[in-house]
Amino acid sequence: MPTVAIDAFNAETKRMETQIKAQQASATVDKTSAQAMGEQLDNQKKMSDMMEEQMMKSRIPMMSEAELISLANRR
């Protein structure tokens, strides 16, 4: 095999290896980004649940007996 053909083959192989590494790095970034987004959504849900619970607790002293029984039956 001529040296030019070997050099061309080696160059193509290195190009492909570089492309694969770039795709792997991109996949890692995408995965990390998706995980961060998932954690952010979980945190927003937890915050919303906490706020709703606090609001409900602040209303309890003003609720009628029937409202309290209805609330207890929902949980």
PDB file of N, CA and C in Angstrom:
ATOM      1  N   MET A   1       0.858  -1.176   0.000  1.00  0.00           N
ATOM      2  CA  MET A   1       0.000   0.000   0.000  1.00  0.00           C
ATOM      3  C   MET A   1       0.905   1.241   0.000  1.00  0.00           C
ATOM      4  N   PRO A   2       0.668   2.152  -0.902  1.00  0.00           N
ATOM      5  CA  PRO A   2       1.494   3.355  -0.982  1.00  0.00           C
ATOM      6  C   PRO A   2       1.343   4.211   0.277  1.00  0.00           C
ATOM      7  N   THR A   3       2.375   4.961   0.582  1.00  0.00           N
ATOM      8  CA  THR A   3       2.402   5.805   1.776  1.00  0.00           C
ATOM      9  C   THR A   3       1.284   6.848   1.756  1.00  0.00           C
ATOM     10  N   VAL A   4       0.979   7.383   0.586  1.00  0.00           N
ATOM     11  CA  VAL A   4      -0.080   8.395   0.462  1.00  0.00           C
ATOM     12  C   VAL A   4      -1.412   7.787   0.879  1.00  0.00           C
ATOM     13  N   ALA A   5      -1.682   6.555   0.445  1.00  0.00           N
ATOM     14  CA  ALA A   5      -2.939   5.881   0.789  1.00  0.00           C
ATOM     15  C   ALA A   5      -2.989   5.605   2.296  1.00  0.00           C
ATOM     16  N   ILE A   6      -1.868   5.206   2.876  1.00  0.00           N
ATOM     17  CA  ILE A   6      -1.820   4.948   4.314  1.00  0.00           C
ATOM     18  C   ILE A   6      -2.039   6.238   5.088  1.00  0.00           C
ATOM     19  N   ASP A   7      -1.413   7.312   4.654  1.00  0.00           N
ATOM     20  CA  ASP A   7      -1.589   8.609   5.304  1.00  0.00           C
ATOM     21  C   ASP A   7      -3.047   9.077   5.210  1.00  0.00           C
ATOM     22  N   ALA A   8      -3.655   8.886   4.054  1.00  0.00           N
ATOM     23  CA  ALA A   8      -5.055   9.281   3.858  1.00  0.00           C
ATOM     24  C   ALA A   8      -5.963   8.449   4.761  1.00  0.00           C
ATOM     25  N   PHE A   9      -5.690   7.143   4.843  1.00  0.00           N
ATOM     26  CA  PHE A   9      -6.473   6.261   5.707  1.00  0.00           C
ATOM     27  C   PHE A   9      -6.335   6.689   7.168  1.00  0.00           C
ATOM     28  N   ASN A  10      -5.104   6.944   7.614  1.00  0.00           N
ATOM     29  CA  ASN A  10      -4.870   7.375   8.991  1.00  0.00           C
ATOM     30  C   ASN A  10      -5.556   8.711   9.284  1.00  0.00           C
ATOM     31  N   ALA A  11      -5.506   9.626   8.353  1.00  0.00           N
ATOM     32  CA  ALA A  11      -6.151  10.928   8.531  1.00  0.00           C
ATOM     33  C   ALA A  11      -7.673  10.757   8.656  1.00  0.00           C
ATOM     34  N   GLU A  12      -8.246   9.914   7.808  1.00  0.00           N
ATOM     35  CA  GLU A  12      -9.695   9.655   7.857  1.00  0.00           C
ATOM     36  C   GLU A  12     -10.066   8.987   9.180  1.00  0.00           C
ATOM     37  N   THR A  13      -9.256   8.043   9.622  1.00  0.00           N
ATOM     38  CA  THR A  13      -9.511   7.359  10.892  1.00  0.00           C
ATOM     39  C   THR A  13      -9.474   8.349  12.051  1.00  0.00           C
ATOM     40  N   LYS A  14      -8.484   9.222  12.063  1.00  0.00           N
ATOM     41  CA  LYS A  14      -8.387  10.227  13.128  1.00  0.00           C
ATOM     42  C   LYS A  14      -9.566  11.194  13.077  1.00  0.00           C
ATOM     43  N   ARG A  15      -9.980  11.569  11.868  1.00  0.00           N
ATOM     44  CA  ARG A  15     -11.142  12.459  11.722  1.00  0.00           C
ATOM     45  C   ARG A  15     -12.383  11.800  12.308  1.00  0.00           C
ATOM     46  N   MET A  16     -12.571  10.524  12.010  1.00  0.00           N
ATOM     47  CA  MET A  16     -13.731   9.798  12.523  1.00  0.00           C
ATOM     48  C   MET A  16     -13.676   9.682  14.052  1.00  0.00           C
ATOM     49  N   GLU A  17     -12.498   9.410  14.586  1.00  0.00           N
ATOM     50  CA  GLU A  17     -12.339   9.318  16.039  1.00  0.00           C
ATOM     51  C   GLU A  17     -12.668  10.656  16.706  1.00  0.00           C
ATOM     52  N   THR A  18     -12.212  11.741  16.100  1.00  0.00           N
ATOM     53  CA  THR A  18     -12.488  13.073  16.627  1.00  0.00           C
ATOM     54  C   THR A  18     -13.979  13.367  16.586  1.00  0.00           C
ATOM     55  N   GLN A  19     -14.624  12.984  15.493  1.00  0.00           N
ATOM     56  CA  GLN A  19     -16.063  13.204  15.352  1.00  0.00           C
ATOM     57  C   GLN A  19     -16.828  12.402  16.410  1.00  0.00           C
ATOM     58  N   ILE A  20     -16.430  11.165  16.652  1.00  0.00           N
ATOM     59  CA  ILE A  20     -17.076  10.329  17.661  1.00  0.00           C
ATOM     60  C   ILE A  20     -16.915  10.952  19.047  1.00  0.00           C
ATOM     61  N   LYS A  21     -15.708  11.420  19.353  1.00  0.00           N
ATOM     62  CA  LYS A  21     -15.468  12.059  20.650  1.00  0.00           C
ATOM     63  C   LYS A  21     -16.325  13.311  20.818  1.00  0.00           C
ATOM     64  N   ALA A  22     -16.480  14.073  19.759  1.00  0.00           N
ATOM     65  CA  ALA A  22     -17.310  15.282  19.812  1.00  0.00           C
ATOM     66  C   ALA A  22     -18.776  14.910  20.052  1.00  0.00           C
ATOM     67  N   GLN A  23     -19.248  13.853  19.393  1.00  0.00           N
ATOM     68  CA  GLN A  23     -20.633  13.411  19.587  1.00  0.00           C
ATOM     69  C   GLN A  23     -20.842  12.893  21.007  1.00  0.00           C
ATOM     70  N   GLN A  24     -19.866  12.182  21.541  1.00  0.00           N
ATOM     71  CA  GLN A  24     -19.956  11.703  22.919  1.00  0.00           C
ATOM     72  C   GLN A  24     -20.004  12.866  23.899  1.00  0.00           C
ATOM     73  N   ALA A  25     -19.172  13.872  23.667  1.00  0.00           N
ATOM     74  CA  ALA A  25     -19.160  15.048  24.536  1.00  0.00           C
ATOM     75  C   ALA A  25     -20.506  15.770  24.470  1.00  0.00           C
ATOM     76  N   SER A  26     -21.052  15.875  23.281  1.00  0.00           N
ATOM     77  CA  SER A  26     -22.354  16.524  23.109  1.00  0.00           C
ATOM     78  C   SER A  26     -23.448  15.751  23.834  1.00  0.00           C
ATOM     79  N   ALA A  27     -23.404  14.429  23.747  1.00  0.00           N
ATOM     80  CA  ALA A  27     -24.389  13.594  24.436  1.00  0.00           C
ATOM     81  C   ALA A  27     -24.284  13.769  25.945  1.00  0.00           C
ATOM     82  N   THR A  28     -23.058  13.884  26.442  1.00  0.00           N
ATOM     83  CA  THR A  28     -22.856  14.092  27.873  1.00  0.00           C
ATOM     84  C   THR A  28     -23.427  15.438  28.311  1.00  0.00           C
ATOM     85  N   VAL A  29     -23.198  16.462  27.511  1.00  0.00           N
ATOM     86  CA  VAL A  29     -23.744  17.790  27.822  1.00  0.00           C
ATOM     87  C   VAL A  29     -25.269  17.744  27.799  1.00  0.00           C
ATOM     88  N   ASP A  30     -25.847  17.084  26.800  1.00  0.00           N
ATOM     89  CA  ASP A  30     -27.307  16.963  26.702  1.00  0.00           C
ATOM     90  C   ASP A  30     -27.875  16.239  27.916  1.00  0.00           C
ATOM     91  N   LYS A  31     -27.220  15.157  28.331  1.00  0.00           N
ATOM     92  CA  LYS A  31     -27.683  14.384  29.484  1.00  0.00           C
ATOM     93  C   LYS A  31     -27.621  15.235  30.745  1.00  0.00           C
ATOM     94  N   THR A  32     -26.523  15.945  30.929  1.00  0.00           N
ATOM     95  CA  THR A  32     -26.360  16.798  32.111  1.00  0.00           C
ATOM     96  C   THR A  32     -27.409  17.902  32.119  1.00  0.00           C
ATOM     97  N   SER A  33     -27.655  18.470  30.966  1.00  0.00           N
ATOM     98  CA  SER A  33     -28.661  19.525  30.855  1.00  0.00           C
ATOM     99  C   SER A  33     -30.055  18.983  31.181  1.00  0.00           C
ATOM    100  N   ALA A  34     -30.375  17.811  30.682  1.00  0.00           N
ATOM    101  CA  ALA A  34     -31.682  17.196  30.953  1.00  0.00           C
ATOM    102  C   ALA A  34     -31.838  16.877  32.440  1.00  0.00           C
ATOM    103  N   GLN A  35     -30.768  16.390  33.064  1.00  0.00           N
ATOM    104  CA  GLN A  35     -30.821  16.107  34.495  1.00  0.00           C
ATOM    105  C   GLN A  35     -31.039  17.389  35.298  1.00  0.00           C
ATOM    106  N   ALA A  36     -30.349  18.441  34.913  1.00  0.00           N
ATOM    107  CA  ALA A  36     -30.496  19.722  35.610  1.00  0.00           C
ATOM    108  C   ALA A  36     -31.922  20.250  35.455  1.00  0.00           C
ATOM    109  N   MET A  37     -32.478  20.112  34.263  1.00  0.00           N
ATOM    110  CA  MET A  37     -33.850  20.567  34.027  1.00  0.00           C
ATOM    111  C   MET A  37     -34.829  19.753  34.874  1.00  0.00           C
ATOM    112  N   GLY A  38     -34.604  18.447  34.952  1.00  0.00           N
ATOM    113  CA  GLY A  38     -35.458  17.589  35.769  1.00  0.00           C
ATOM    114  C   GLY A  38     -35.400  17.977  37.238  1.00  0.00           C
ATOM    115  N   GLU A  39     -34.206  18.255  37.736  1.00  0.00           N
ATOM    116  CA  GLU A  39     -34.049  18.681  39.130  1.00  0.00           C
ATOM    117  C   GLU A  39     -34.736  20.023  39.372  1.00  0.00           C
ATOM    118  N   GLN A  40     -34.627  20.910  38.400  1.00  0.00           N
ATOM    119  CA  GLN A  40     -35.278  22.221  38.534  1.00  0.00           C
ATOM    120  C   GLN A  40     -36.797  22.056  38.592  1.00  0.00           C
ATOM    121  N   LEU A  41     -37.336  21.194  37.744  1.00  0.00           N
ATOM    122  CA  LEU A  41     -38.783  20.956  37.759  1.00  0.00           C
ATOM    123  C   LEU A  41     -39.224  20.317  39.072  1.00  0.00           C
ATOM    124  N   ASP A  42     -38.434  19.370  39.573  1.00  0.00           N
ATOM    125  CA  ASP A  42     -38.739  18.750  40.864  1.00  0.00           C
ATOM    126  C   ASP A  42     -38.755  19.799  41.971  1.00  0.00           C
ATOM    127  N   ASN A  43     -37.765  20.682  41.960  1.00  0.00           N
ATOM    128  CA  ASN A  43     -37.690  21.726  42.977  1.00  0.00           C
ATOM    129  C   ASN A  43     -38.865  22.697  42.894  1.00  0.00           C
ATOM    130  N   GLN A  44     -39.271  23.027  41.666  1.00  0.00           N
ATOM    131  CA  GLN A  44     -40.424  23.913  41.495  1.00  0.00           C
ATOM    132  C   GLN A  44     -41.691  23.247  42.017  1.00  0.00           C
ATOM    133  N   LYS A  45     -41.833  21.954  41.768  1.00  0.00           N
ATOM    134  CA  LYS A  45     -43.008  21.210  42.252  1.00  0.00           C
ATOM    135  C   LYS A  45     -43.006  21.174  43.774  1.00  0.00           C
ATOM    136  N   LYS A  46     -41.855  20.909  44.371  1.00  0.00           N
ATOM    137  CA  LYS A  46     -41.757  20.882  45.834  1.00  0.00           C
ATOM    138  C   LYS A  46     -42.109  22.242  46.418  1.00  0.00           C
ATOM    139  N   MET A  47     -41.607  23.302  45.803  1.00  0.00           N
ATOM    140  CA  MET A  47     -41.888  24.657  46.280  1.00  0.00           C
ATOM    141  C   MET A  47     -43.378  24.967  46.173  1.00  0.00           C
ATOM    142  N   SER A  48     -43.971  24.581  45.071  1.00  0.00           N
ATOM    143  CA  SER A  48     -45.401  24.798  44.873  1.00  0.00           C
ATOM    144  C   SER A  48     -46.215  24.029  45.917  1.00  0.00           C
ATOM    145  N   ASP A  49     -45.829  22.787  46.164  1.00  0.00           N
ATOM    146  CA  ASP A  49     -46.521  21.977  47.172  1.00  0.00           C
ATOM    147  C   ASP A  49     -46.392  22.606  48.560  1.00  0.00           C
ATOM    148  N   MET A  50     -45.200  23.097  48.876  1.00  0.00           N
ATOM    149  CA  MET A  50     -44.974  23.732  50.179  1.00  0.00           C
ATOM    150  C   MET A  50     -45.819  24.994  50.333  1.00  0.00           C
ATOM    151  N   MET A  51     -45.886  25.781  49.265  1.00  0.00           N
ATOM    152  CA  MET A  51     -46.667  27.017  49.317  1.00  0.00           C
ATOM    153  C   MET A  51     -48.153  26.699  49.480  1.00  0.00           C
ATOM    154  N   GLU A  52     -48.607  25.679  48.761  1.00  0.00           N
ATOM    155  CA  GLU A  52     -50.015  25.280  48.863  1.00  0.00           C
ATOM    156  C   GLU A  52     -50.325  24.796  50.276  1.00  0.00           C
ATOM    157  N   GLU A  53     -49.419  24.020  50.857  1.00  0.00           N
ATOM    158  CA  GLU A  53     -49.614  23.524  52.221  1.00  0.00           C
ATOM    159  C   GLU A  53     -49.648  24.678  53.219  1.00  0.00           C
ATOM    160  N   GLN A  54     -48.739  25.639  53.049  1.00  0.00           N
ATOM    161  CA  GLN A  54     -48.720  26.802  53.938  1.00  0.00           C
ATOM    162  C   GLN A  54     -50.017  27.608  53.828  1.00  0.00           C
ATOM    163  N   MET A  55     -50.489  27.765  52.607  1.00  0.00           N
ATOM    164  CA  MET A  55     -51.725  28.509  52.398  1.00  0.00           C
ATOM    165  C   MET A  55     -52.891  27.783  53.076  1.00  0.00           C
ATOM    166  N   MET A  56     -52.913  26.458  52.934  1.00  0.00           N
ATOM    167  CA  MET A  56     -53.982  25.674  53.537  1.00  0.00           C
ATOM    168  C   MET A  56     -53.916  25.770  55.063  1.00  0.00           C
ATOM    169  N   LYS A  57     -52.694  25.690  55.606  1.00  0.00           N
ATOM    170  CA  LYS A  57     -52.540  25.785  57.064  1.00  0.00           C
ATOM    171  C   LYS A  57     -53.011  27.139  57.588  1.00  0.00           C
ATOM    172  N   SER A  58     -52.786  28.179  56.821  1.00  0.00           N
ATOM    173  CA  SER A  58     -53.208  29.503  57.271  1.00  0.00           C
ATOM    174  C   SER A  58     -54.728  29.653  57.231  1.00  0.00           C
ATOM    175  N   ARG A  59     -55.395  28.840  56.417  1.00  0.00           N
ATOM    176  CA  ARG A  59     -56.857  28.916  56.301  1.00  0.00           C
ATOM    177  C   ARG A  59     -57.570  28.052  57.332  1.00  0.00           C
ATOM    178  N   ILE A  60     -56.872  27.054  57.887  1.00  0.00           N
ATOM    179  CA  ILE A  60     -57.520  26.099  58.795  1.00  0.00           C
ATOM    180  C   ILE A  60     -58.230  26.773  59.967  1.00  0.00           C
ATOM    181  N   PRO A  61     -57.612  27.731  60.649  1.00  0.00           N
ATOM    182  CA  PRO A  61     -58.315  28.339  61.789  1.00  0.00           C
ATOM    183  C   PRO A  61     -59.630  29.025  61.411  1.00  0.00           C
ATOM    184  N   MET A  62     -59.784  29.396  60.150  1.00  0.00           N
ATOM    185  CA  MET A  62     -60.989  30.099  59.722  1.00  0.00           C
ATOM    186  C   MET A  62     -62.037  29.165  59.109  1.00  0.00           C
ATOM    187  N   MET A  63     -61.728  27.863  58.999  1.00  0.00           N
ATOM    188  CA  MET A  63     -62.641  26.928  58.340  1.00  0.00           C
ATOM    189  C   MET A  63     -63.744  26.457  59.282  1.00  0.00           C
ATOM    190  N   SER A  64     -64.867  26.188  58.671  1.00  0.00           N
ATOM    191  CA  SER A  64     -65.976  25.620  59.438  1.00  0.00           C
ATOM    192  C   SER A  64     -65.704  24.139  59.686  1.00  0.00           C
ATOM    193  N   GLU A  65     -66.486  23.561  60.573  1.00  0.00           N
ATOM    194  CA  GLU A  65     -66.320  22.135  60.877  1.00  0.00           C
ATOM    195  C   GLU A  65     -66.547  21.290  59.627  1.00  0.00           C
ATOM    196  N   ALA A  66     -67.532  21.645  58.825  1.00  0.00           N
ATOM    197  CA  ALA A  66     -67.829  20.895  57.594  1.00  0.00           C
ATOM    198  C   ALA A  66     -66.658  20.975  56.608  1.00  0.00           C
ATOM    199  N   GLU A  67     -66.041  22.148  56.494  1.00  0.00           N
ATOM    200  CA  GLU A  67     -64.878  22.306  55.604  1.00  0.00           C
ATOM    201  C   GLU A  67     -63.697  21.473  56.097  1.00  0.00           C
ATOM    202  N   LEU A  68     -63.495  21.436  57.402  1.00  0.00           N
ATOM    203  CA  LEU A  68     -62.406  20.637  57.969  1.00  0.00           C
ATOM    204  C   LEU A  68     -62.625  19.147  57.729  1.00  0.00           C
ATOM    205  N   ILE A  69     -63.869  18.701  57.884  1.00  0.00           N
ATOM    206  CA  ILE A  69     -64.171  17.289  57.618  1.00  0.00           C
ATOM    207  C   ILE A  69     -63.960  16.966  56.152  1.00  0.00           C
ATOM    208  N   SER A  70     -64.388  17.853  55.272  1.00  0.00           N
ATOM    209  CA  SER A  70     -64.181  17.667  53.833  1.00  0.00           C
ATOM    210  C   SER A  70     -62.698  17.613  53.500  1.00  0.00           C
ATOM    211  N   LEU A  71     -61.933  18.483  54.104  1.00  0.00           N
ATOM    212  CA  LEU A  71     -60.486  18.497  53.888  1.00  0.00           C
ATOM    213  C   LEU A  71     -59.850  17.205  54.371  1.00  0.00           C
ATOM    214  N   ALA A  72     -60.255  16.738  55.538  1.00  0.00           N
ATOM    215  CA  ALA A  72     -59.700  15.497  56.089  1.00  0.00           C
ATOM    216  C   ALA A  72     -60.043  14.299  55.206  1.00  0.00           C
ATOM    217  N   ASN A  73     -61.202  14.299  54.604  1.00  0.00           N
ATOM    218  CA  ASN A  73     -61.625  13.178  53.755  1.00  0.00           C
ATOM    219  C   ASN A  73     -60.897  13.148  52.409  1.00  0.00           C
ATOM    220  N   ARG A  74     -60.363  14.287  51.981  1.00  0.00           N
ATOM    221  CA  ARG A  74     -59.624  14.349  50.708  1.00  0.00           C
ATOM    222  C   ARG A  74     -58.249  13.707  50.806  1.00  0.00           C
ATOM    223  N   ARG A  75     -57.671  13.666  51.962  1.00  0.00           N
ATOM    224  CA  ARG A  75     -56.309  13.159  52.128  1.00  0.00           C
ATOM    225  C   ARG A  75     -56.292  11.731  52.462  1.00  0.00           C
TER     226      ARG A  75
END
